[in-house]
Amino acid sequence: MRGALVRKGDRIPQRRIVTKREREVLNCLKRGKTNADIAIVLGISENTVKFHMKAIMRKLRVITRSHCVAVAIRRRLISLR
């Protein structure tokens, strides 16, 4: 259902926590890429990468890039490989 409200207590599937593009950023991040590298690989600006990183870190409630990757792997948002 597009545009449906999520009520408190509703369970959101783990894969839907982050967008497809945010998962792409996470996959680059787990390989140790910098924001500039990620921007080149994905064909977006470095500011857009920063925007996605802030959104990911907010959603996962983390403050470091390495913790971000660890949490994403633990929640199976991205694979270890």
Protein backbone atom coordinates (compact mmCIF):
# COMPACT_ATOMS: atom_id res chain seq x y z
CA MET A 1 0.00 0.00 0.00
CA ARG A 2 1.66 3.14 -1.16
CA GLY A 3 1.43 6.08 1.22
CA ALA A 4 0.07 3.97 4.06
CA LEU A 5 0.81 5.23 7.53
CA VAL A 6 3.03 3.17 9.76
CA ARG A 7 1.63 2.93 13.24
CA LYS A 8 3.72 2.66 16.37
CA GLY A 9 4.44 -1.00 17.04
CA ASP A 10 4.11 -2.05 13.39
CA ARG A 11 7.05 -4.15 12.22
CA ILE A 12 8.83 -2.89 9.12
CA PRO A 13 10.71 -5.55 7.13
CA GLN A 14 14.47 -5.12 7.65
CA ARG A 15 15.21 -4.70 3.92
CA ARG A 16 12.81 -1.75 3.75
CA ILE A 17 14.62 0.21 6.46
CA VAL A 18 17.05 1.57 3.88
CA THR A 19 16.43 2.38 0.22
CA LYS A 20 18.00 0.55 -2.70
CA ARG A 21 20.42 3.46 -3.24
CA GLU A 22 21.34 3.49 0.45
CA ARG A 23 22.15 -0.24 0.20
CA GLU A 24 24.40 0.55 -2.78
CA VAL A 25 26.19 3.16 -0.67
CA LEU A 26 26.53 0.65 2.19
CA ASN A 27 28.01 -1.95 -0.14
CA CYS A 28 30.66 0.54 -1.28
CA LEU A 29 31.27 1.59 2.30
CA LYS A 30 31.91 -1.97 3.46
CA ARG A 31 34.72 -2.14 0.89
CA GLY A 32 36.37 0.87 2.53
CA LYS A 33 35.47 3.40 -0.16
CA THR A 34 35.59 7.10 0.64
CA ASN A 35 32.67 9.42 -0.12
CA ALA A 36 34.53 10.59 -3.23
CA ASP A 37 35.07 6.99 -4.38
CA ILE A 38 31.42 6.10 -3.76
CA ALA A 39 30.31 9.15 -5.75
CA ILE A 40 32.38 8.05 -8.74
CA VAL A 41 31.25 4.42 -8.57
CA LEU A 42 27.55 5.34 -8.31
CA GLY A 43 27.68 8.32 -10.65
CA ILE A 44 26.36 10.80 -8.10
CA SER A 45 27.83 13.86 -6.38
CA GLU A 46 29.83 13.64 -3.18
CA ASN A 47 27.17 15.77 -1.49
CA THR A 48 24.55 13.21 -2.46
CA VAL A 49 26.70 10.46 -0.93
CA LYS A 50 26.91 12.52 2.28
CA PHE A 51 23.12 12.93 2.23
CA HIS A 52 22.65 9.16 1.92
CA MET A 53 25.23 8.49 4.65
CA LYS A 54 23.45 10.81 7.07
CA ALA A 55 20.12 9.11 6.33
CA ILE A 56 21.60 5.63 6.77
CA MET A 57 23.33 6.53 10.02
CA ARG A 58 20.16 8.12 11.38
CA LYS A 59 18.05 5.10 10.47
CA LEU A 60 20.53 2.64 11.97
CA ARG A 61 21.18 4.89 14.98
CA VAL A 62 24.96 4.80 14.65
CA ILE A 63 27.62 7.50 14.72
CA THR A 64 30.58 5.93 12.91
CA ARG A 65 30.98 4.51 9.42
CA SER A 66 32.42 1.23 10.67
CA HIS A 67 29.56 0.73 13.13
CA CYS A 68 27.17 1.53 10.29
CA VAL A 69 28.54 -1.35 8.21
CA ALA A 70 28.58 -3.72 11.19
CA VAL A 71 24.93 -2.98 12.03
CA ALA A 72 23.87 -3.26 8.38
CA ILE A 73 25.52 -6.68 8.10
CA ARG A 74 24.08 -7.87 11.43
CA ARG A 75 20.58 -6.78 10.34
CA ARG A 76 21.15 -8.45 6.95
CA LEU A 77 20.62 -5.22 5.04
CA ILE A 78 23.82 -6.06 3.15
CA SER A 79 25.83 -9.27 2.87
CA LEU A 80 29.31 -9.83 4.22
CA ARG A 81 30.62 -10.70 0.75
